[in-house]
Amino acid sequence: MDIRKFDLNKHDINEVSSLIYETDKNLFSTFLDKNPDKAVKKLKKLIVAGNNCYGKENLYITENDEGEIGGIIVAFRGDEVKFIDEAKVFMDTMNFLDFLKLTIVKPVYDKITASSIESDDFYLGNLVVAQNSRSQGIGTELLKSSFKLARDKKCKRVLLDVLFENERAKNLYDRLGFKVCGEKSFKWIGKDDGTYGMEYLLDE
């Protein structure tokens, strides 16, 4: 299975934005918009703008033989995404309230809920398989592809976070050799929740 960088001139930005939105509806609802259509439009702006964790440079796509999108990962080396660059993008693409949420509230949320990303980590923030491509092993292949991408970027490990309740995903990560490296419990909008930080150490 081939995986390639997202190409604005080739791939359907609307489909890509919608698929990424599906990976974390609660987060995008909180920080972009409660209306799904509006949230997807804002996410699309971030993808196109680049220089943020959802920027086009951090998207990797796999396609089937007909050229249809099979799956997507959003991932980056830790030192490739900088707060000051993201803040500039948020200022240029979002309204003032969204800018405040993304630059003040979301960093606090990330600190509570997500792993601390080191400069030489390859952080896998989102993984999604298109509806008509599920149960074909594409998720597994995307994860394996992330190992090569991480090595190419001279990273020491692939890092991700998974919700406690997402046992199916955690079992997949376990099978591929990821190990729990952290655990965070929290209450968010009245709901008890938590995440496992998981790492896959790369060969030197």
N, C-alpha and C. Protein backbone atom coordinates (compact mmCIF):
# COMPACT_ATOMS: atom_id res chain seq x y z
N MET A 1 0.84 -1.20 0.00
CA MET A 1 0.00 0.00 0.00
C MET A 1 0.87 1.24 0.00
N ASP A 2 0.62 2.13 -0.94
CA ASP A 2 1.38 3.37 -1.02
C ASP A 2 0.70 4.45 -0.18
N ILE A 3 1.53 5.24 0.47
CA ILE A 3 1.01 6.40 1.21
C ILE A 3 1.76 7.61 0.70
N ARG A 4 1.04 8.69 0.46
CA ARG A 4 1.68 9.87 -0.11
C ARG A 4 1.19 11.13 0.58
N LYS A 5 1.96 12.19 0.43
CA LYS A 5 1.57 13.48 1.00
C LYS A 5 0.27 13.95 0.34
N PHE A 6 -0.56 14.60 1.14
CA PHE A 6 -1.77 15.22 0.62
C PHE A 6 -1.41 16.26 -0.43
N ASP A 7 -2.16 16.27 -1.53
CA ASP A 7 -1.93 17.19 -2.63
C ASP A 7 -3.21 17.98 -2.90
N LEU A 8 -3.17 19.28 -2.65
CA LEU A 8 -4.35 20.13 -2.84
C LEU A 8 -4.88 20.06 -4.27
N ASN A 9 -4.00 19.83 -5.21
CA ASN A 9 -4.40 19.81 -6.62
C ASN A 9 -4.95 18.45 -7.05
N LYS A 10 -4.78 17.45 -6.21
CA LYS A 10 -5.19 16.10 -6.58
C LYS A 10 -6.32 15.55 -5.71
N HIS A 11 -6.18 15.76 -4.42
CA HIS A 11 -7.13 15.16 -3.48
C HIS A 11 -8.29 16.12 -3.18
N ASP A 12 -9.43 15.54 -2.86
CA ASP A 12 -10.65 16.30 -2.58
C ASP A 12 -10.58 16.88 -1.16
N ILE A 13 -10.32 18.17 -1.06
CA ILE A 13 -10.16 18.81 0.24
C ILE A 13 -11.42 18.69 1.09
N ASN A 14 -12.59 18.70 0.46
CA ASN A 14 -13.84 18.57 1.22
C ASN A 14 -13.96 17.18 1.84
N GLU A 15 -13.62 16.16 1.08
CA GLU A 15 -13.67 14.80 1.61
C GLU A 15 -12.63 14.61 2.71
N VAL A 16 -11.44 15.13 2.48
CA VAL A 16 -10.37 15.01 3.47
C VAL A 16 -10.75 15.70 4.77
N SER A 17 -11.28 16.90 4.69
CA SER A 17 -11.69 17.65 5.89
C SER A 17 -12.78 16.90 6.65
N SER A 18 -13.75 16.36 5.93
CA SER A 18 -14.85 15.63 6.56
C SER A 18 -14.36 14.38 7.26
N LEU A 19 -13.43 13.66 6.63
CA LEU A 19 -12.90 12.44 7.23
C LEU A 19 -12.12 12.76 8.50
N ILE A 20 -11.29 13.79 8.47
CA ILE A 20 -10.52 14.16 9.66
C ILE A 20 -11.46 14.61 10.77
N TYR A 21 -12.51 15.34 10.43
CA TYR A 21 -13.50 15.76 11.42
C TYR A 21 -14.07 14.55 12.16
N GLU A 22 -14.30 13.45 11.44
CA GLU A 22 -14.89 12.26 12.04
C GLU A 22 -14.00 11.64 13.11
N THR A 23 -12.70 11.93 13.08
CA THR A 23 -11.79 11.31 14.04
C THR A 23 -11.96 11.85 15.45
N ASP A 24 -12.48 13.07 15.59
CA ASP A 24 -12.61 13.67 16.93
C ASP A 24 -13.69 14.74 16.91
N LYS A 25 -14.92 14.29 16.74
CA LYS A 25 -16.04 15.23 16.63
C LYS A 25 -16.15 16.12 17.87
N ASN A 26 -15.93 15.55 19.04
CA ASN A 26 -16.07 16.33 20.28
C ASN A 26 -15.06 17.48 20.32
N LEU A 27 -13.82 17.19 19.94
CA LEU A 27 -12.80 18.23 19.97
C LEU A 27 -13.11 19.33 18.97
N PHE A 28 -13.44 18.94 17.74
CA PHE A 28 -13.72 19.95 16.72
C PHE A 28 -14.99 20.73 17.02
N SER A 29 -15.95 20.08 17.66
CA SER A 29 -17.17 20.77 18.07
C SER A 29 -16.86 21.82 19.13
N THR A 30 -15.95 21.49 20.04
CA THR A 30 -15.59 22.40 21.12
C THR A 30 -14.76 23.59 20.64
N PHE A 31 -13.79 23.33 19.77
CA PHE A 31 -12.82 24.37 19.44
C PHE A 31 -13.02 25.02 18.07
N LEU A 32 -13.84 24.42 17.21
CA LEU A 32 -14.10 25.04 15.91
C LEU A 32 -15.55 25.50 15.81
N ASP A 33 -16.50 24.58 15.89
CA ASP A 33 -17.91 24.98 15.83
C ASP A 33 -18.79 23.79 16.18
N LYS A 34 -19.88 24.06 16.90
CA LYS A 34 -20.82 22.99 17.24
C LYS A 34 -21.57 22.48 16.02
N ASN A 35 -21.70 23.35 15.02
CA ASN A 35 -22.33 22.94 13.77
C ASN A 35 -21.31 22.16 12.94
N PRO A 36 -21.57 20.89 12.63
CA PRO A 36 -20.58 20.07 11.92
C PRO A 36 -20.13 20.67 10.60
N ASP A 37 -21.06 21.21 9.82
CA ASP A 37 -20.69 21.78 8.52
C ASP A 37 -19.74 22.96 8.68
N LYS A 38 -20.03 23.81 9.68
CA LYS A 38 -19.16 24.97 9.92
C LYS A 38 -17.79 24.53 10.45
N ALA A 39 -17.80 23.50 11.31
CA ALA A 39 -16.54 22.99 11.84
C ALA A 39 -15.66 22.44 10.72
N VAL A 40 -16.27 21.71 9.79
CA VAL A 40 -15.52 21.15 8.67
C VAL A 40 -14.95 22.26 7.79
N LYS A 41 -15.72 23.33 7.58
CA LYS A 41 -15.24 24.46 6.77
C LYS A 41 -14.03 25.12 7.44
N LYS A 42 -14.09 25.27 8.76
CA LYS A 42 -12.96 25.88 9.47
C LYS A 42 -11.74 24.96 9.44
N LEU A 43 -11.99 23.66 9.58
CA LEU A 43 -10.90 22.70 9.50
C LEU A 43 -10.24 22.76 8.12
N LYS A 44 -11.06 22.90 7.11
CA LYS A 44 -10.53 23.01 5.74
C LYS A 44 -9.60 24.22 5.62
N LYS A 45 -9.97 25.33 6.24
CA LYS A 45 -9.12 26.52 6.21
C LYS A 45 -7.76 26.24 6.84
N LEU A 46 -7.77 25.50 7.94
CA LEU A 46 -6.51 25.18 8.62
C LEU A 46 -5.65 24.26 7.76
N ILE A 47 -6.28 23.31 7.09
CA ILE A 47 -5.53 22.40 6.22
C ILE A 47 -4.86 23.18 5.10
N VAL A 48 -5.63 24.03 4.44
CA VAL A 48 -5.11 24.80 3.30
C VAL A 48 -4.01 25.77 3.74
N ALA A 49 -4.19 26.40 4.90
CA ALA A 49 -3.23 27.41 5.37
C ALA A 49 -1.86 26.81 5.67
N GLY A 50 -1.84 25.59 6.21
CA GLY A 50 -0.57 24.99 6.61
C GLY A 50 -0.01 25.64 7.86
N ASN A 51 1.18 25.22 8.27
CA ASN A 51 1.85 25.76 9.45
C ASN A 51 1.04 25.60 10.73
N ASN A 52 0.31 24.49 10.83
CA ASN A 52 -0.39 24.13 12.06
C ASN A 52 -0.52 22.62 12.07
N CYS A 53 -0.96 22.07 13.20
CA CYS A 53 -0.95 20.61 13.32
C CYS A 53 -1.85 19.91 12.31
N TYR A 54 -2.86 20.63 11.76
CA TYR A 54 -3.73 20.05 10.74
C TYR A 54 -3.35 20.52 9.33
N GLY A 55 -2.23 21.18 9.21
CA GLY A 55 -1.82 21.75 7.93
C GLY A 55 -1.57 20.69 6.86
N LYS A 56 -1.71 21.10 5.62
CA LYS A 56 -1.59 20.18 4.47
C LYS A 56 -0.28 19.42 4.47
N GLU A 57 0.77 20.00 5.02
CA GLU A 57 2.07 19.35 5.02
C GLU A 57 2.13 18.16 5.97
N ASN A 58 1.13 18.03 6.86
CA ASN A 58 1.12 16.95 7.85
C ASN A 58 0.10 15.86 7.54
N LEU A 59 -0.48 15.92 6.35
CA LEU A 59 -1.50 14.94 5.96
C LEU A 59 -0.91 13.92 4.99
N TYR A 60 -1.20 12.66 5.25
CA TYR A 60 -0.74 11.57 4.40
C TYR A 60 -1.94 10.73 4.00
N ILE A 61 -2.01 10.40 2.71
CA ILE A 61 -3.19 9.78 2.12
C ILE A 61 -2.83 8.44 1.50
N THR A 62 -3.75 7.47 1.62
CA THR A 62 -3.64 6.25 0.83
C THR A 62 -4.89 6.12 -0.03
N GLU A 63 -4.72 5.58 -1.22
CA GLU A 63 -5.82 5.47 -2.17
C GLU A 63 -5.96 4.04 -2.66
N ASN A 64 -7.18 3.70 -3.14
CA ASN A 64 -7.36 2.39 -3.76
C ASN A 64 -7.01 2.48 -5.25
N ASP A 65 -7.22 1.39 -5.96
CA ASP A 65 -6.83 1.35 -7.38
C ASP A 65 -7.62 2.32 -8.24
N GLU A 66 -8.80 2.71 -7.75
CA GLU A 66 -9.63 3.66 -8.51
C GLU A 66 -9.31 5.11 -8.17
N GLY A 67 -8.33 5.32 -7.29
CA GLY A 67 -7.95 6.67 -6.91
C GLY A 67 -8.80 7.25 -5.80
N GLU A 68 -9.65 6.41 -5.18
CA GLU A 68 -10.48 6.88 -4.07
C GLU A 68 -9.67 6.85 -2.77
N ILE A 69 -9.92 7.82 -1.90
CA ILE A 69 -9.20 7.88 -0.63
C ILE A 69 -9.59 6.69 0.25
N GLY A 70 -8.58 5.94 0.68
CA GLY A 70 -8.83 4.80 1.57
C GLY A 70 -8.64 5.17 3.03
N GLY A 71 -7.67 6.03 3.30
CA GLY A 71 -7.40 6.42 4.68
C GLY A 71 -6.47 7.60 4.75
N ILE A 72 -6.42 8.21 5.92
CA ILE A 72 -5.61 9.42 6.15
C ILE A 72 -4.95 9.33 7.52
N ILE A 73 -3.72 9.78 7.61
CA ILE A 73 -3.14 10.06 8.92
C ILE A 73 -2.69 11.52 8.94
N VAL A 74 -2.83 12.12 10.11
CA VAL A 74 -2.33 13.47 10.37
C VAL A 74 -1.20 13.31 11.37
N ALA A 75 0.02 13.61 10.96
CA ALA A 75 1.17 13.34 11.81
C ALA A 75 2.31 14.30 11.50
N PHE A 76 3.15 14.54 12.50
CA PHE A 76 4.25 15.49 12.32
C PHE A 76 5.35 15.22 13.33
N ARG A 77 6.54 15.63 12.99
CA ARG A 77 7.66 15.61 13.93
C ARG A 77 7.45 16.74 14.94
N GLY A 78 7.80 16.49 16.19
CA GLY A 78 7.50 17.43 17.26
C GLY A 78 7.98 18.84 17.02
N ASP A 79 9.15 19.00 16.43
CA ASP A 79 9.68 20.35 16.23
C ASP A 79 9.21 21.00 14.93
N GLU A 80 8.29 20.34 14.22
CA GLU A 80 7.77 20.92 12.98
C GLU A 80 6.55 21.82 13.21
N VAL A 81 5.91 21.68 14.36
CA VAL A 81 4.73 22.49 14.66
C VAL A 81 5.06 23.39 15.84
N LYS A 82 5.05 24.69 15.59
CA LYS A 82 5.42 25.66 16.63
C LYS A 82 4.22 26.54 16.97
N PHE A 83 4.07 26.83 18.26
CA PHE A 83 2.91 27.59 18.73
C PHE A 83 2.80 28.95 18.05
N ILE A 84 3.92 29.64 17.88
CA ILE A 84 3.87 30.98 17.29
C ILE A 84 3.37 30.92 15.85
N ASP A 85 3.78 29.88 15.11
CA ASP A 85 3.31 29.72 13.73
C ASP A 85 1.82 29.41 13.70
N GLU A 86 1.39 28.53 14.62
CA GLU A 86 -0.03 28.19 14.68
C GLU A 86 -0.86 29.42 15.03
N ALA A 87 -0.38 30.21 15.99
CA ALA A 87 -1.13 31.40 16.41
C ALA A 87 -1.33 32.36 15.24
N LYS A 88 -0.31 32.52 14.41
CA LYS A 88 -0.44 33.39 13.23
C LYS A 88 -1.50 32.86 12.27
N VAL A 89 -1.51 31.54 12.08
CA VAL A 89 -2.50 30.94 11.19
C VAL A 89 -3.90 31.11 11.76
N PHE A 90 -4.05 30.90 13.07
CA PHE A 90 -5.37 31.05 13.70
C PHE A 90 -5.86 32.49 13.57
N MET A 91 -4.96 33.44 13.73
CA MET A 91 -5.32 34.85 13.60
C MET A 91 -5.80 35.17 12.19
N ASP A 92 -5.15 34.56 11.21
CA ASP A 92 -5.48 34.84 9.80
C ASP A 92 -6.73 34.12 9.31
N THR A 93 -7.06 32.98 9.92
CA THR A 93 -8.13 32.14 9.36
C THR A 93 -9.39 32.06 10.22
N MET A 94 -9.30 32.43 11.49
CA MET A 94 -10.43 32.25 12.41
C MET A 94 -10.96 33.60 12.89
N ASN A 95 -12.19 33.59 13.42
CA ASN A 95 -12.70 34.79 14.07
C ASN A 95 -12.03 34.94 15.43
N PHE A 96 -12.27 36.07 16.10
CA PHE A 96 -11.52 36.37 17.32
C PHE A 96 -11.82 35.36 18.43
N LEU A 97 -13.08 34.96 18.58
CA LEU A 97 -13.43 33.99 19.62
C LEU A 97 -12.74 32.65 19.37
N ASP A 98 -12.76 32.20 18.12
CA ASP A 98 -12.08 30.94 17.79
C ASP A 98 -10.58 31.06 18.03
N PHE A 99 -10.03 32.22 17.70
CA PHE A 99 -8.60 32.46 17.93
C PHE A 99 -8.27 32.30 19.41
N LEU A 100 -9.10 32.88 20.28
CA LEU A 100 -8.86 32.76 21.72
C LEU A 100 -8.97 31.31 22.19
N LYS A 101 -9.98 30.60 21.69
CA LYS A 101 -10.15 29.20 22.08
C LYS A 101 -8.94 28.36 21.66
N LEU A 102 -8.45 28.60 20.45
CA LEU A 102 -7.37 27.78 19.91
C LEU A 102 -6.00 28.13 20.50
N THR A 103 -5.83 29.37 20.94
CA THR A 103 -4.52 29.77 21.46
C THR A 103 -4.44 29.78 22.98
N ILE A 104 -5.58 29.81 23.66
CA ILE A 104 -5.57 29.86 25.13
C ILE A 104 -6.17 28.59 25.74
N VAL A 105 -7.37 28.23 25.31
CA VAL A 105 -8.06 27.09 25.93
C VAL A 105 -7.52 25.75 25.44
N LYS A 106 -7.32 25.63 24.13
CA LYS A 106 -6.90 24.33 23.59
C LYS A 106 -5.53 23.89 24.11
N PRO A 107 -4.53 24.77 24.23
CA PRO A 107 -3.26 24.32 24.81
C PRO A 107 -3.41 23.75 26.22
N VAL A 108 -4.31 24.34 27.01
CA VAL A 108 -4.58 23.80 28.35
C VAL A 108 -5.24 22.43 28.24
N TYR A 109 -6.21 22.32 27.34
CA TYR A 109 -6.89 21.05 27.10
C TYR A 109 -5.89 19.98 26.67
N ASP A 110 -4.99 20.34 25.76
CA ASP A 110 -4.00 19.38 25.28
C ASP A 110 -3.09 18.91 26.41
N LYS A 111 -2.72 19.84 27.29
CA LYS A 111 -1.84 19.48 28.40
C LYS A 111 -2.52 18.50 29.35
N ILE A 112 -3.83 18.67 29.51
CA ILE A 112 -4.60 17.80 30.40
C ILE A 112 -4.84 16.43 29.78
N THR A 113 -5.06 16.40 28.47
CA THR A 113 -5.57 15.18 27.83
C THR A 113 -4.57 14.44 26.96
N ALA A 114 -3.48 15.07 26.56
CA ALA A 114 -2.61 14.45 25.55
C ALA A 114 -1.17 14.35 26.04
N SER A 115 -0.41 13.53 25.36
CA SER A 115 1.00 13.33 25.70
C SER A 115 1.82 14.58 25.43
N SER A 116 2.90 14.72 26.17
CA SER A 116 3.86 15.78 25.90
C SER A 116 4.73 15.35 24.72
N ILE A 117 4.78 16.18 23.69
CA ILE A 117 5.47 15.81 22.45
C ILE A 117 6.88 16.38 22.46
N GLU A 118 7.87 15.49 22.37
CA GLU A 118 9.26 15.93 22.30
C GLU A 118 9.62 16.30 20.86
N SER A 119 10.71 17.02 20.70
CA SER A 119 11.08 17.53 19.38
C SER A 119 11.33 16.42 18.37
N ASP A 120 11.84 15.27 18.82
CA ASP A 120 12.15 14.18 17.90
C ASP A 120 11.11 13.06 17.94
N ASP A 121 9.92 13.36 18.45
CA ASP A 121 8.79 12.43 18.37
C ASP A 121 8.10 12.59 17.02
N PHE A 122 7.51 11.52 16.54
CA PHE A 122 6.60 11.60 15.39
C PHE A 122 5.21 11.39 15.96
N TYR A 123 4.46 12.49 16.09
CA TYR A 123 3.16 12.43 16.76
C TYR A 123 2.06 12.15 15.75
N LEU A 124 1.33 11.08 16.00
CA LEU A 124 0.22 10.69 15.14
C LEU A 124 -1.07 11.17 15.80
N GLY A 125 -1.57 12.30 15.31
CA GLY A 125 -2.71 12.94 15.95
C GLY A 125 -4.05 12.40 15.51
N ASN A 126 -4.16 11.99 14.25
CA ASN A 126 -5.44 11.52 13.71
C ASN A 126 -5.19 10.40 12.72
N LEU A 127 -6.05 9.40 12.78
CA LEU A 127 -6.03 8.31 11.80
C LEU A 127 -7.47 7.97 11.47
N VAL A 128 -7.77 7.90 10.18
CA VAL A 128 -9.14 7.57 9.78
C VAL A 128 -9.10 6.72 8.51
N VAL A 129 -10.01 5.74 8.47
CA VAL A 129 -10.20 4.92 7.28
C VAL A 129 -11.57 5.25 6.71
N ALA A 130 -11.63 5.50 5.41
CA ALA A 130 -12.90 5.83 4.76
C ALA A 130 -13.90 4.69 4.93
N GLN A 131 -15.18 5.06 5.02
CA GLN A 131 -16.24 4.10 5.30
C GLN A 131 -16.20 2.88 4.38
N ASN A 132 -16.04 3.11 3.08
CA ASN A 132 -16.09 1.99 2.13
C ASN A 132 -14.78 1.22 2.04
N SER A 133 -13.80 1.58 2.88
CA SER A 133 -12.51 0.89 2.87
C SER A 133 -12.21 0.19 4.18
N ARG A 134 -13.18 0.14 5.08
CA ARG A 134 -12.95 -0.46 6.39
C ARG A 134 -12.95 -1.98 6.32
N SER A 135 -12.37 -2.59 7.36
CA SER A 135 -12.24 -4.05 7.46
C SER A 135 -11.38 -4.63 6.35
N GLN A 136 -10.43 -3.84 5.86
CA GLN A 136 -9.52 -4.30 4.81
C GLN A 136 -8.05 -4.20 5.26
N GLY A 137 -7.85 -3.91 6.55
CA GLY A 137 -6.49 -3.81 7.07
C GLY A 137 -5.79 -2.50 6.78
N ILE A 138 -6.55 -1.50 6.31
CA ILE A 138 -5.92 -0.23 5.94
C ILE A 138 -5.40 0.51 7.17
N GLY A 139 -6.14 0.46 8.27
CA GLY A 139 -5.67 1.11 9.49
C GLY A 139 -4.32 0.57 9.93
N THR A 140 -4.17 -0.75 9.86
CA THR A 140 -2.90 -1.38 10.21
C THR A 140 -1.79 -0.91 9.28
N GLU A 141 -2.08 -0.86 7.99
CA GLU A 141 -1.07 -0.44 7.02
C GLU A 141 -0.69 1.03 7.19
N LEU A 142 -1.67 1.86 7.55
CA LEU A 142 -1.37 3.27 7.81
C LEU A 142 -0.41 3.40 8.99
N LEU A 143 -0.66 2.63 10.03
CA LEU A 143 0.21 2.68 11.20
C LEU A 143 1.61 2.21 10.85
N LYS A 144 1.70 1.14 10.10
CA LYS A 144 3.03 0.65 9.69
C LYS A 144 3.74 1.69 8.82
N SER A 145 2.98 2.37 7.98
CA SER A 145 3.58 3.42 7.15
C SER A 145 4.11 4.56 8.01
N SER A 146 3.45 4.81 9.14
CA SER A 146 3.90 5.90 10.02
C SER A 146 5.29 5.60 10.58
N PHE A 147 5.61 4.32 10.74
CA PHE A 147 6.94 3.97 11.25
C PHE A 147 8.02 4.41 10.25
N LYS A 148 7.77 4.16 8.97
CA LYS A 148 8.74 4.56 7.94
C LYS A 148 8.84 6.09 7.85
N LEU A 149 7.68 6.76 7.89
CA LEU A 149 7.69 8.22 7.84
C LEU A 149 8.50 8.78 9.00
N ALA A 150 8.32 8.19 10.17
CA ALA A 150 9.04 8.65 11.36
C ALA A 150 10.55 8.43 11.21
N ARG A 151 10.92 7.27 10.70
CA ARG A 151 12.35 7.00 10.49
C ARG A 151 12.95 7.98 9.48
N ASP A 152 12.20 8.26 8.43
CA ASP A 152 12.68 9.20 7.41
C ASP A 152 12.92 10.59 8.00
N LYS A 153 12.17 10.92 9.04
CA LYS A 153 12.31 12.22 9.70
C LYS A 153 13.27 12.16 10.89
N LYS A 154 13.97 11.03 11.03
CA LYS A 154 14.96 10.85 12.10
C LYS A 154 14.34 10.95 13.49
N CYS A 155 13.14 10.42 13.64
CA CYS A 155 12.47 10.43 14.94
C CYS A 155 12.85 9.19 15.74
N LYS A 156 12.72 9.29 17.06
CA LYS A 156 13.06 8.17 17.94
C LYS A 156 11.86 7.28 18.24
N ARG A 157 10.65 7.84 18.10
CA ARG A 157 9.46 7.04 18.39
C ARG A 157 8.25 7.63 17.68
N VAL A 158 7.24 6.77 17.50
CA VAL A 158 5.92 7.22 17.07
C VAL A 158 5.07 7.31 18.33
N LEU A 159 4.41 8.42 18.50
CA LEU A 159 3.63 8.69 19.71
C LEU A 159 2.19 8.99 19.34
N LEU A 160 1.25 8.46 20.13
CA LEU A 160 -0.16 8.76 19.91
C LEU A 160 -0.90 8.69 21.23
N ASP A 161 -2.13 9.18 21.22
CA ASP A 161 -3.02 9.10 22.38
C ASP A 161 -4.29 8.40 21.98
N VAL A 162 -4.83 7.59 22.89
CA VAL A 162 -6.07 6.87 22.61
C VAL A 162 -6.96 6.92 23.84
N LEU A 163 -8.24 7.19 23.64
CA LEU A 163 -9.19 7.25 24.75
C LEU A 163 -9.31 5.91 25.45
N PHE A 164 -9.51 5.94 26.77
CA PHE A 164 -9.73 4.71 27.53
C PHE A 164 -10.81 3.85 26.89
N GLU A 165 -11.89 4.50 26.46
CA GLU A 165 -13.05 3.75 25.96
C GLU A 165 -12.85 3.14 24.58
N ASN A 166 -11.80 3.55 23.89
CA ASN A 166 -11.57 3.05 22.54
C ASN A 166 -10.70 1.78 22.60
N GLU A 167 -11.29 0.72 23.13
CA GLU A 167 -10.54 -0.51 23.35
C GLU A 167 -10.10 -1.15 22.03
N ARG A 168 -10.94 -1.02 21.01
CA ARG A 168 -10.60 -1.63 19.73
C ARG A 168 -9.32 -1.04 19.16
N ALA A 169 -9.22 0.30 19.21
CA ALA A 169 -8.01 0.95 18.71
C ALA A 169 -6.80 0.57 19.56
N LYS A 170 -6.98 0.57 20.88
CA LYS A 170 -5.84 0.24 21.76
C LYS A 170 -5.34 -1.17 21.49
N ASN A 171 -6.27 -2.10 21.27
CA ASN A 171 -5.86 -3.48 20.97
C ASN A 171 -5.04 -3.55 19.69
N LEU A 172 -5.43 -2.75 18.70
CA LEU A 172 -4.66 -2.71 17.44
C LEU A 172 -3.26 -2.17 17.70
N TYR A 173 -3.17 -1.09 18.46
CA TYR A 173 -1.85 -0.51 18.77
C TYR A 173 -0.99 -1.51 19.54
N ASP A 174 -1.61 -2.22 20.48
CA ASP A 174 -0.88 -3.25 21.23
C ASP A 174 -0.30 -4.30 20.29
N ARG A 175 -1.12 -4.77 19.36
CA ARG A 175 -0.68 -5.83 18.44
C ARG A 175 0.49 -5.39 17.57
N LEU A 176 0.54 -4.10 17.26
CA LEU A 176 1.60 -3.59 16.39
C LEU A 176 2.87 -3.22 17.16
N GLY A 177 2.84 -3.36 18.48
CA GLY A 177 4.04 -3.12 19.26
C GLY A 177 4.09 -1.82 20.02
N PHE A 178 3.01 -1.05 20.01
CA PHE A 178 2.96 0.16 20.84
C PHE A 178 2.87 -0.24 22.31
N LYS A 179 3.49 0.56 23.16
CA LYS A 179 3.44 0.35 24.60
C LYS A 179 2.89 1.60 25.28
N VAL A 180 2.14 1.40 26.35
CA VAL A 180 1.63 2.53 27.12
C VAL A 180 2.80 3.26 27.78
N CYS A 181 2.88 4.57 27.57
CA CYS A 181 3.97 5.35 28.16
C CYS A 181 3.44 6.46 29.07
N GLY A 182 2.13 6.53 29.22
CA GLY A 182 1.52 7.55 30.07
C GLY A 182 0.02 7.34 30.14
N GLU A 183 -0.58 7.97 31.13
CA GLU A 183 -2.02 7.82 31.33
C GLU A 183 -2.55 9.10 31.97
N LYS A 184 -3.64 9.61 31.41
CA LYS A 184 -4.22 10.84 31.94
C LYS A 184 -5.72 10.66 32.12
N SER A 185 -6.20 10.95 33.33
CA SER A 185 -7.63 10.92 33.61
C SER A 185 -8.10 12.35 33.82
N PHE A 186 -9.29 12.64 33.34
CA PHE A 186 -9.77 14.01 33.43
C PHE A 186 -11.29 14.03 33.32
N LYS A 187 -11.85 15.15 33.71
CA LYS A 187 -13.29 15.39 33.53
C LYS A 187 -13.41 16.55 32.56
N TRP A 188 -14.14 16.34 31.46
CA TRP A 188 -14.28 17.36 30.43
C TRP A 188 -15.75 17.51 30.10
N ILE A 189 -16.26 18.72 30.29
CA ILE A 189 -17.67 19.03 30.05
C ILE A 189 -18.56 18.03 30.80
N GLY A 190 -18.21 17.82 32.08
CA GLY A 190 -19.03 16.99 32.94
C GLY A 190 -18.88 15.50 32.75
N LYS A 191 -17.96 15.07 31.91
CA LYS A 191 -17.81 13.65 31.61
C LYS A 191 -16.44 13.16 32.04
N ASP A 192 -16.41 12.06 32.79
CA ASP A 192 -15.14 11.45 33.15
C ASP A 192 -14.56 10.75 31.94
N ASP A 193 -13.28 10.97 31.70
CA ASP A 193 -12.65 10.38 30.53
C ASP A 193 -11.17 10.23 30.81
N GLY A 194 -10.45 9.78 29.82
CA GLY A 194 -9.01 9.65 29.98
C GLY A 194 -8.37 9.10 28.73
N THR A 195 -7.05 9.21 28.67
CA THR A 195 -6.31 8.72 27.51
C THR A 195 -5.07 7.96 27.95
N TYR A 196 -4.70 7.00 27.12
CA TYR A 196 -3.39 6.36 27.23
C TYR A 196 -2.47 7.03 26.23
N GLY A 197 -1.29 7.42 26.69
CA GLY A 197 -0.25 7.79 25.75
C GLY A 197 0.46 6.50 25.36
N MET A 198 0.67 6.28 24.06
CA MET A 198 1.30 5.05 23.60
C MET A 198 2.45 5.38 22.65
N GLU A 199 3.52 4.62 22.76
CA GLU A 199 4.70 4.88 21.95
C GLU A 199 5.17 3.61 21.25
N TYR A 200 5.74 3.81 20.08
CA TYR A 200 6.41 2.74 19.35
C TYR A 200 7.84 3.19 19.16
N LEU A 201 8.76 2.53 19.84
CA LEU A 201 10.16 2.92 19.78
C LEU A 201 10.78 2.43 18.48
N LEU A 202 11.48 3.31 17.80
CA LEU A 202 12.09 2.98 16.52
C LEU A 202 13.53 2.52 16.72
N ASP A 203 13.98 1.66 15.84
CA ASP A 203 15.35 1.18 15.90
C ASP A 203 16.31 2.33 15.64
N GLU A 204 17.41 2.31 16.32
CA GLU A 204 18.44 3.34 16.09
C GLU A 204 19.04 3.17 14.69
